[in-house]
Amino acid sequence: MSPHILILGGTTEARELAAALASRPGWRVTTSLAGRVTRPGAVAGEVRVGGFGGAEGLADWLREEQVDALVDATHPFARAITAHAARAAAVTGVPSVVLRRPGWRPGPGDRWHPVDSLDEAARLLPGLGRRVFLTTGRMELAAFAPLTALHFVVRSVELPEPPLPPHTEVLLARGPFTVADESALLHEHRIDVLVTKDSGAAATSAKLTAARELALPVVVVRRPALPDGVTAVPDVAGVQRWLDLTPR
């Protein structure tokens, strides 16, 4: 019987994994997208869009669609869906693995300020700079809305959700970005502090190099911890090895 693999997607690694698995003869590969981006990139295999209705809804879908293995390849900050996936896999007995790219690590010359939340980042900002390059995505920016004395440049793929700080410029752009691109942006907007989540993506790491070269402080939001007991691998090859060794 052909194995059915469900990928919880939305990342570059999820698309790469879908392409690799869909090329295996007889494998059925379904990628689930949350639907928050209106123009996602092309994905190999089957695609479903929208939520499942929590852990219980996902568990029902795993049973109904006879899923043989679940791969959580969502964004490292997609805390809710990762928790739902872990619970759904546990109650159904479906083998599951989390694909998480390695996080960023500071190097010589970096002026990083690690924090555990956007609220903590917002509290730190007034002491670090007045013109902020905010690259934490388009959601959950309400934490920065009370900072009326600061100027924000917000970059995201789609328009950010309000509330936003009163002095905000929005740049709609999708990576990858080069160090030259990021340096030009920092100069043009006279940025003196950068805020980012530790997504670990190579496509967006150039801003960290540019900030280092300009000796700018960087507020880095740490990743949430993974649920207890989950198996995590750092790359697509690791998922393929796990699938080859996992009884289905």
C-alpha atoms as a PDB file:
ATOM      1  CA  MET A   1       0.000   0.000   0.000  1.00  0.00           C
ATOM      2  CA  SER A   2       1.317   3.441  -0.913  1.00  0.00           C
ATOM      3  CA  PRO A   3       2.369   5.527   2.114  1.00  0.00           C
ATOM      4  CA  HIS A   4       0.562   8.823   2.713  1.00  0.00           C
ATOM      5  CA  ILE A   5       2.710  11.590   4.205  1.00  0.00           C
ATOM      6  CA  LEU A   6       1.200  14.800   5.588  1.00  0.00           C
ATOM      7  CA  ILE A   7       3.520  17.822   5.646  1.00  0.00           C
ATOM      8  CA  LEU A   8       2.482  20.835   7.693  1.00  0.00           C
ATOM      9  CA  GLY A   9       4.107  23.419   5.460  1.00  0.00           C
ATOM     10  CA  GLY A  10       4.713  27.079   4.817  1.00  0.00           C
ATOM     11  CA  THR A  11       8.522  27.046   4.819  1.00  0.00           C
ATOM     12  CA  THR A  12      11.132  26.634   2.108  1.00  0.00           C
ATOM     13  CA  GLU A  13      12.123  23.309   3.655  1.00  0.00           C
ATOM     14  CA  ALA A  14       8.517  22.089   3.461  1.00  0.00           C
ATOM     15  CA  ARG A  15       8.429  22.755  -0.296  1.00  0.00           C
ATOM     16  CA  GLU A  16      11.788  21.035  -0.773  1.00  0.00           C
ATOM     17  CA  LEU A  17      10.587  18.028   1.207  1.00  0.00           C
ATOM     18  CA  ALA A  18       7.331  17.789  -0.754  1.00  0.00           C
ATOM     19  CA  ALA A  19       9.263  17.802  -4.026  1.00  0.00           C
ATOM     20  CA  ALA A  20      11.651  15.097  -2.798  1.00  0.00           C
ATOM     21  CA  LEU A  21       8.900  12.811  -1.485  1.00  0.00           C
ATOM     22  CA  ALA A  22       6.503  13.346  -4.390  1.00  0.00           C
ATOM     23  CA  SER A  23       9.208  12.030  -6.719  1.00  0.00           C
ATOM     24  CA  ARG A  24       9.150   8.649  -4.962  1.00  0.00           C
ATOM     25  CA  PRO A  25       7.034   6.213  -6.982  1.00  0.00           C
ATOM     26  CA  GLY A  26       3.749   5.372  -5.301  1.00  0.00           C
ATOM     27  CA  TRP A  27       4.053   7.891  -2.456  1.00  0.00           C
ATOM     28  CA  ARG A  28       1.122  10.167  -1.699  1.00  0.00           C
ATOM     29  CA  VAL A  29       2.263  13.533  -0.325  1.00  0.00           C
ATOM     30  CA  THR A  30      -0.127  16.175   1.027  1.00  0.00           C
ATOM     31  CA  THR A  31       1.098  19.597   2.149  1.00  0.00           C
ATOM     32  CA  SER A  32      -1.178  21.605   4.422  1.00  0.00           C
ATOM     33  CA  LEU A  33      -0.897  25.407   4.292  1.00  0.00           C
ATOM     34  CA  ALA A  34      -2.491  27.736   6.830  1.00  0.00           C
ATOM     35  CA  GLY A  35      -3.658  30.104   4.080  1.00  0.00           C
ATOM     36  CA  ARG A  36      -2.226  33.276   5.629  1.00  0.00           C
ATOM     37  CA  VAL A  37      -0.205  34.086   2.487  1.00  0.00           C
ATOM     38  CA  THR A  38      -2.338  34.778  -0.587  1.00  0.00           C
ATOM     39  CA  ARG A  39       0.331  33.750  -3.116  1.00  0.00           C
ATOM     40  CA  PRO A  40       2.341  30.832  -1.733  1.00  0.00           C
ATOM     41  CA  GLY A  41       5.025  29.245  -3.856  1.00  0.00           C
ATOM     42  CA  ALA A  42       4.304  26.165  -5.953  1.00  0.00           C
ATOM     43  CA  VAL A  43       4.206  22.910  -3.974  1.00  0.00           C
ATOM     44  CA  ALA A  44       4.628  19.370  -5.361  1.00  0.00           C
ATOM     45  CA  GLY A  45       1.985  16.758  -4.601  1.00  0.00           C
ATOM     46  CA  GLU A  46      -1.441  17.481  -3.123  1.00  0.00           C
ATOM     47  CA  VAL A  47      -2.153  20.732  -1.289  1.00  0.00           C
ATOM     48  CA  ARG A  48      -4.847  21.587   1.254  1.00  0.00           C
ATOM     49  CA  VAL A  49      -5.386  25.106   2.592  1.00  0.00           C
ATOM     50  CA  GLY A  50      -6.834  26.106   5.957  1.00  0.00           C
ATOM     51  CA  GLY A  51      -6.831  24.955   9.563  1.00  0.00           C
ATOM     52  CA  PHE A  52      -7.908  21.586  10.923  1.00  0.00           C
ATOM     53  CA  GLY A  53      -9.816  22.780  13.971  1.00  0.00           C
ATOM     54  CA  GLY A  54      -7.163  22.190  16.618  1.00  0.00           C
ATOM     55  CA  ALA A  55      -5.495  18.958  17.671  1.00  0.00           C
ATOM     56  CA  GLU A  56      -8.784  17.038  17.618  1.00  0.00           C
ATOM     57  CA  GLY A  57      -9.575  18.118  14.059  1.00  0.00           C
ATOM     58  CA  LEU A  58      -6.085  17.220  12.900  1.00  0.00           C
ATOM     59  CA  ALA A  59      -6.359  13.809  14.572  1.00  0.00           C
ATOM     60  CA  ASP A  60      -9.650  13.194  12.761  1.00  0.00           C
ATOM     61  CA  TRP A  61      -8.029  14.158   9.429  1.00  0.00           C
ATOM     62  CA  LEU A  62      -5.088  11.812  10.047  1.00  0.00           C
ATOM     63  CA  ARG A  63      -7.498   8.945  10.592  1.00  0.00           C
ATOM     64  CA  GLU A  64      -9.867   9.775   7.724  1.00  0.00           C
ATOM     65  CA  GLU A  65      -7.076  10.253   5.193  1.00  0.00           C
ATOM     66  CA  GLN A  66      -5.113   7.246   6.476  1.00  0.00           C
ATOM     67  CA  VAL A  67      -1.923   9.229   7.015  1.00  0.00           C
ATOM     68  CA  ASP A  68       1.130   7.050   7.647  1.00  0.00           C
ATOM     69  CA  ALA A  69       3.530   9.764   8.857  1.00  0.00           C
ATOM     70  CA  LEU A  70       3.263  13.421   9.876  1.00  0.00           C
ATOM     71  CA  VAL A  71       6.015  15.977   9.254  1.00  0.00           C
ATOM     72  CA  ASP A  72       5.730  19.340  11.006  1.00  0.00           C
ATOM     73  CA  ALA A  73       7.732  21.662   8.730  1.00  0.00           C
ATOM     74  CA  THR A  74       6.062  24.871   9.882  1.00  0.00           C
ATOM     75  CA  HIS A  75       7.855  28.079  10.906  1.00  0.00           C
ATOM     76  CA  PRO A  76       9.899  27.770  14.122  1.00  0.00           C
ATOM     77  CA  PHE A  77       7.510  30.281  15.767  1.00  0.00           C
ATOM     78  CA  ALA A  78       4.298  28.452  14.798  1.00  0.00           C
ATOM     79  CA  ARG A  79       3.875  27.354  18.411  1.00  0.00           C
ATOM     80  CA  ALA A  80       0.152  26.461  18.265  1.00  0.00           C
ATOM     81  CA  ILE A  81       0.200  24.183  15.219  1.00  0.00           C
ATOM     82  CA  THR A  82       3.331  22.430  16.504  1.00  0.00           C
ATOM     83  CA  ALA A  83       1.562  21.702  19.798  1.00  0.00           C
ATOM     84  CA  HIS A  84      -1.550  20.516  17.940  1.00  0.00           C
ATOM     85  CA  ALA A  85       0.524  18.246  15.709  1.00  0.00           C
ATOM     86  CA  ALA A  86       2.281  16.652  18.673  1.00  0.00           C
ATOM     87  CA  ARG A  87      -1.031  15.946  20.429  1.00  0.00           C
ATOM     88  CA  ALA A  88      -2.730  14.639  17.272  1.00  0.00           C
ATOM     89  CA  ALA A  89       0.158  12.291  16.528  1.00  0.00           C
ATOM     90  CA  ALA A  90       0.135  11.017  20.110  1.00  0.00           C
ATOM     91  CA  VAL A  91      -3.589  10.198  20.196  1.00  0.00           C
ATOM     92  CA  THR A  92      -3.638   8.574  16.749  1.00  0.00           C
ATOM     93  CA  GLY A  93      -0.331   6.730  16.966  1.00  0.00           C
ATOM     94  CA  VAL A  94       0.837   8.275  13.677  1.00  0.00           C
ATOM     95  CA  PRO A  95       4.646   8.604  13.628  1.00  0.00           C
ATOM     96  CA  SER A  96       5.680  12.267  13.570  1.00  0.00           C
ATOM     97  CA  VAL A  97       8.795  14.359  13.242  1.00  0.00           C
ATOM     98  CA  VAL A  98       9.530  18.092  13.403  1.00  0.00           C
ATOM     99  CA  LEU A  99      11.710  19.653  10.707  1.00  0.00           C
ATOM    100  CA  ARG A 100      13.461  22.663  12.259  1.00  0.00           C
ATOM    101  CA  ARG A 101      16.303  24.439  10.534  1.00  0.00           C
ATOM    102  CA  PRO A 102      19.140  25.377  12.927  1.00  0.00           C
ATOM    103  CA  GLY A 103      18.838  28.743  14.606  1.00  0.00           C
ATOM    104  CA  TRP A 104      21.219  31.639  14.124  1.00  0.00           C
ATOM    105  CA  ARG A 105      24.275  32.026  16.343  1.00  0.00           C
ATOM    106  CA  PRO A 106      26.052  35.319  17.140  1.00  0.00           C
ATOM    107  CA  GLY A 107      29.569  35.784  15.860  1.00  0.00           C
ATOM    108  CA  PRO A 108      32.449  38.143  16.612  1.00  0.00           C
ATOM    109  CA  GLY A 109      31.308  41.755  16.431  1.00  0.00           C
ATOM    110  CA  ASP A 110      27.605  41.017  16.844  1.00  0.00           C
ATOM    111  CA  ARG A 111      25.700  43.181  19.337  1.00  0.00           C
ATOM    112  CA  TRP A 112      22.794  40.842  20.017  1.00  0.00           C
ATOM    113  CA  HIS A 113      20.186  41.298  22.733  1.00  0.00           C
ATOM    114  CA  PRO A 114      18.303  37.975  23.078  1.00  0.00           C
ATOM    115  CA  VAL A 115      14.727  38.155  24.407  1.00  0.00           C
ATOM    116  CA  ASP A 116      11.938  35.635  24.901  1.00  0.00           C
ATOM    117  CA  SER A 117       9.010  37.598  23.444  1.00  0.00           C
ATOM    118  CA  LEU A 118       7.979  40.563  21.312  1.00  0.00           C
ATOM    119  CA  ASP A 119       6.775  42.313  24.477  1.00  0.00           C
ATOM    120  CA  GLU A 120      10.269  42.022  25.944  1.00  0.00           C
ATOM    121  CA  ALA A 121      11.735  43.299  22.674  1.00  0.00           C
ATOM    122  CA  ALA A 122       9.445  46.335  22.795  1.00  0.00           C
ATOM    123  CA  ARG A 123      10.493  47.143  26.368  1.00  0.00           C
ATOM    124  CA  LEU A 124      14.147  47.030  25.355  1.00  0.00           C
ATOM    125  CA  LEU A 125      13.939  49.232  22.248  1.00  0.00           C
ATOM    126  CA  PRO A 126      13.803  52.775  23.705  1.00  0.00           C
ATOM    127  CA  GLY A 127      17.221  52.233  25.276  1.00  0.00           C
ATOM    128  CA  LEU A 128      18.784  50.987  22.029  1.00  0.00           C
ATOM    129  CA  GLY A 129      17.711  53.313  19.231  1.00  0.00           C
ATOM    130  CA  ARG A 130      15.109  55.610  17.704  1.00  0.00           C
ATOM    131  CA  ARG A 131      14.758  54.209  14.172  1.00  0.00           C
ATOM    132  CA  VAL A 132      13.851  50.533  14.154  1.00  0.00           C
ATOM    133  CA  PHE A 133      13.983  47.969  11.345  1.00  0.00           C
ATOM    134  CA  LEU A 134      11.282  45.482  12.395  1.00  0.00           C
ATOM    135  CA  THR A 135      11.425  42.104  10.609  1.00  0.00           C
ATOM    136  CA  THR A 136       9.308  39.866  12.839  1.00  0.00           C
ATOM    137  CA  GLY A 137       6.529  39.219  10.295  1.00  0.00           C
ATOM    138  CA  ARG A 138       3.182  40.876   9.756  1.00  0.00           C
ATOM    139  CA  MET A 139       1.365  39.537  12.811  1.00  0.00           C
ATOM    140  CA  GLU A 140       1.638  40.268  16.531  1.00  0.00           C
ATOM    141  CA  LEU A 141       3.001  43.781  16.085  1.00  0.00           C
ATOM    142  CA  ALA A 142       0.663  45.208  18.718  1.00  0.00           C
ATOM    143  CA  ALA A 143       3.488  44.958  21.269  1.00  0.00           C
ATOM    144  CA  PHE A 144       5.222  47.869  19.513  1.00  0.00           C
ATOM    145  CA  ALA A 145       2.131  50.064  19.056  1.00  0.00           C
ATOM    146  CA  PRO A 146       2.635  52.016  22.335  1.00  0.00           C
ATOM    147  CA  LEU A 147       6.131  53.142  21.273  1.00  0.00           C
ATOM    148  CA  THR A 148       5.000  56.501  19.908  1.00  0.00           C
ATOM    149  CA  ALA A 149       8.436  58.136  20.141  1.00  0.00           C
ATOM    150  CA  LEU A 150      10.125  55.630  17.818  1.00  0.00           C
ATOM    151  CA  HIS A 151      10.077  55.345  14.019  1.00  0.00           C
ATOM    152  CA  PHE A 152       9.561  51.848  12.593  1.00  0.00           C
ATOM    153  CA  VAL A 153      10.337  50.374   9.201  1.00  0.00           C
ATOM    154  CA  VAL A 154       8.338  47.132   8.976  1.00  0.00           C
ATOM    155  CA  ARG A 155       9.152  44.577   6.278  1.00  0.00           C
ATOM    156  CA  SER A 156       6.812  41.706   5.482  1.00  0.00           C
ATOM    157  CA  VAL A 157       5.546  39.690   2.527  1.00  0.00           C
ATOM    158  CA  GLU A 158       2.008  41.064   2.930  1.00  0.00           C
ATOM    159  CA  LEU A 159       0.470  44.042   4.714  1.00  0.00           C
ATOM    160  CA  PRO A 160       0.890  43.794   8.485  1.00  0.00           C
ATOM    161  CA  GLU A 161      -2.092  43.465  10.759  1.00  0.00           C
ATOM    162  CA  PRO A 162      -2.995  46.437  12.982  1.00  0.00           C
ATOM    163  CA  PRO A 163      -2.492  47.868  15.507  1.00  0.00           C
ATOM    164  CA  LEU A 164       0.860  49.285  14.442  1.00  0.00           C
ATOM    165  CA  PRO A 165       3.069  52.000  15.925  1.00  0.00           C
ATOM    166  CA  PRO A 166       1.927  55.466  14.768  1.00  0.00           C
ATOM    167  CA  HIS A 167       5.200  56.200  12.971  1.00  0.00           C
ATOM    168  CA  THR A 168       5.541  53.199  10.672  1.00  0.00           C
ATOM    169  CA  GLU A 169       6.731  52.678   7.098  1.00  0.00           C
ATOM    170  CA  VAL A 170       5.775  49.349   5.506  1.00  0.00           C
ATOM    171  CA  LEU A 171       8.039  47.634   2.973  1.00  0.00           C
ATOM    172  CA  LEU A 172       6.450  44.713   1.106  1.00  0.00           C
ATOM    173  CA  ALA A 173       9.199  42.340   0.005  1.00  0.00           C
ATOM    174  CA  ARG A 174      10.054  38.647  -0.093  1.00  0.00           C
ATOM    175  CA  GLY A 175      13.575  37.279   0.394  1.00  0.00           C
ATOM    176  CA  PRO A 176      16.204  36.217  -0.261  1.00  0.00           C
ATOM    177  CA  PHE A 177      18.070  39.462   0.345  1.00  0.00           C
ATOM    178  CA  THR A 178      21.772  40.130  -0.173  1.00  0.00           C
ATOM    179  CA  VAL A 179      24.055  41.860   2.302  1.00  0.00           C
ATOM    180  CA  ALA A 180      24.325  44.760  -0.165  1.00  0.00           C
ATOM    181  CA  ASP A 181      20.515  45.014  -0.265  1.00  0.00           C
ATOM    182  CA  GLU A 182      20.277  45.082   3.511  1.00  0.00           C
ATOM    183  CA  SER A 183      23.127  47.554   3.949  1.00  0.00           C
ATOM    184  CA  ALA A 184      21.499  49.929   1.466  1.00  0.00           C
ATOM    185  CA  LEU A 185      18.172  49.673   3.280  1.00  0.00           C
ATOM    186  CA  LEU A 186      19.747  50.339   6.686  1.00  0.00           C
ATOM    187  CA  HIS A 187      21.555  53.395   5.319  1.00  0.00           C
ATOM    188  CA  GLU A 188      18.562  54.749   3.388  1.00  0.00           C
ATOM    189  CA  HIS A 189      16.229  54.574   6.380  1.00  0.00           C
ATOM    190  CA  ARG A 190      18.897  55.625   8.901  1.00  0.00           C
ATOM    191  CA  ILE A 191      18.236  52.516  10.993  1.00  0.00           C
ATOM    192  CA  ASP A 192      19.957  52.322  14.367  1.00  0.00           C
ATOM    193  CA  VAL A 193      18.464  49.073  15.753  1.00  0.00           C
ATOM    194  CA  LEU A 194      17.194  45.839  14.185  1.00  0.00           C
ATOM    195  CA  VAL A 195      14.522  43.505  15.611  1.00  0.00           C
ATOM    196  CA  THR A 196      14.154  39.961  14.299  1.00  0.00           C
ATOM    197  CA  LYS A 197      12.956  36.512  15.283  1.00  0.00           C
ATOM    198  CA  ASP A 198      15.455  33.665  15.256  1.00  0.00           C
ATOM    199  CA  SER A 199      13.942  32.043  12.181  1.00  0.00           C
ATOM    200  CA  GLY A 200      17.308  30.615  11.142  1.00  0.00           C
ATOM    201  CA  ALA A 201      16.525  31.090   7.451  1.00  0.00           C
ATOM    202  CA  ALA A 202      19.457  31.648   5.116  1.00  0.00           C
ATOM    203  CA  ALA A 203      17.187  33.783   2.903  1.00  0.00           C
ATOM    204  CA  THR A 204      16.894  36.433   5.622  1.00  0.00           C
ATOM    205  CA  SER A 205      20.248  36.173   7.418  1.00  0.00           C
ATOM    206  CA  ALA A 206      21.948  38.894   5.339  1.00  0.00           C
ATOM    207  CA  LYS A 207      20.405  41.576   7.570  1.00  0.00           C
ATOM    208  CA  LEU A 208      22.426  40.203  10.493  1.00  0.00           C
ATOM    209  CA  THR A 209      25.667  40.541   8.523  1.00  0.00           C
ATOM    210  CA  ALA A 210      24.735  44.071   7.469  1.00  0.00           C
ATOM    211  CA  ALA A 211      23.923  45.015  11.062  1.00  0.00           C
ATOM    212  CA  ARG A 212      27.255  43.561  12.241  1.00  0.00           C
ATOM    213  CA  GLU A 213      29.179  45.551   9.644  1.00  0.00           C
ATOM    214  CA  LEU A 214      27.434  48.738  10.807  1.00  0.00           C
ATOM    215  CA  ALA A 215      27.838  47.844  14.507  1.00  0.00           C
ATOM    216  CA  LEU A 216      24.078  48.066  15.056  1.00  0.00           C
ATOM    217  CA  PRO A 217      22.367  46.459  18.049  1.00  0.00           C
ATOM    218  CA  VAL A 218      20.089  43.527  17.147  1.00  0.00           C
ATOM    219  CA  VAL A 219      17.188  42.379  19.304  1.00  0.00           C
ATOM    220  CA  VAL A 220      16.726  38.652  18.637  1.00  0.00           C
ATOM    221  CA  VAL A 221      13.543  36.912  19.781  1.00  0.00           C
ATOM    222  CA  ARG A 222      14.375  33.356  20.854  1.00  0.00           C
ATOM    223  CA  ARG A 223      12.394  30.413  19.488  1.00  0.00           C
ATOM    224  CA  PRO A 224       9.703  28.791  21.618  1.00  0.00           C
ATOM    225  CA  ALA A 225      10.612  25.388  23.004  1.00  0.00           C
ATOM    226  CA  LEU A 226       9.348  22.302  21.204  1.00  0.00           C
ATOM    227  CA  PRO A 227       6.755  20.131  22.975  1.00  0.00           C
ATOM    228  CA  ASP A 228       8.152  17.418  25.213  1.00  0.00           C
ATOM    229  CA  GLY A 229       8.906  14.110  23.569  1.00  0.00           C
ATOM    230  CA  VAL A 230       8.930  15.195  19.914  1.00  0.00           C
ATOM    231  CA  THR A 231      11.626  14.077  17.471  1.00  0.00           C
ATOM    232  CA  ALA A 232      13.315  16.948  15.632  1.00  0.00           C
ATOM    233  CA  VAL A 233      15.675  16.926  12.636  1.00  0.00           C
ATOM    234  CA  PRO A 234      17.485  19.913  11.074  1.00  0.00           C
ATOM    235  CA  ASP A 235      16.984  19.358   7.343  1.00  0.00           C
ATOM    236  CA  VAL A 236      15.144  17.601   4.519  1.00  0.00           C
ATOM    237  CA  ALA A 237      17.715  14.803   4.363  1.00  0.00           C
ATOM    238  CA  GLY A 238      17.100  14.121   8.036  1.00  0.00           C
ATOM    239  CA  VAL A 239      13.363  13.740   7.425  1.00  0.00           C
ATOM    240  CA  GLN A 240      14.005  11.338   4.551  1.00  0.00           C
ATOM    241  CA  ARG A 241      16.275   9.208   6.724  1.00  0.00           C
ATOM    242  CA  TRP A 242      13.660   9.227   9.498  1.00  0.00           C
ATOM    243  CA  LEU A 243      10.930   8.147   7.061  1.00  0.00           C
ATOM    244  CA  ASP A 244      13.067   5.326   5.686  1.00  0.00           C
ATOM    245  CA  LEU A 245      13.652   4.011   9.221  1.00  0.00           C
ATOM    246  CA  THR A 246      10.101   4.492  10.530  1.00  0.00           C
ATOM    247  CA  PRO A 247       7.668   1.547  10.349  1.00  0.00           C
ATOM    248  CA  ARG A 248       4.363   2.529   8.768  1.00  0.00           C
END
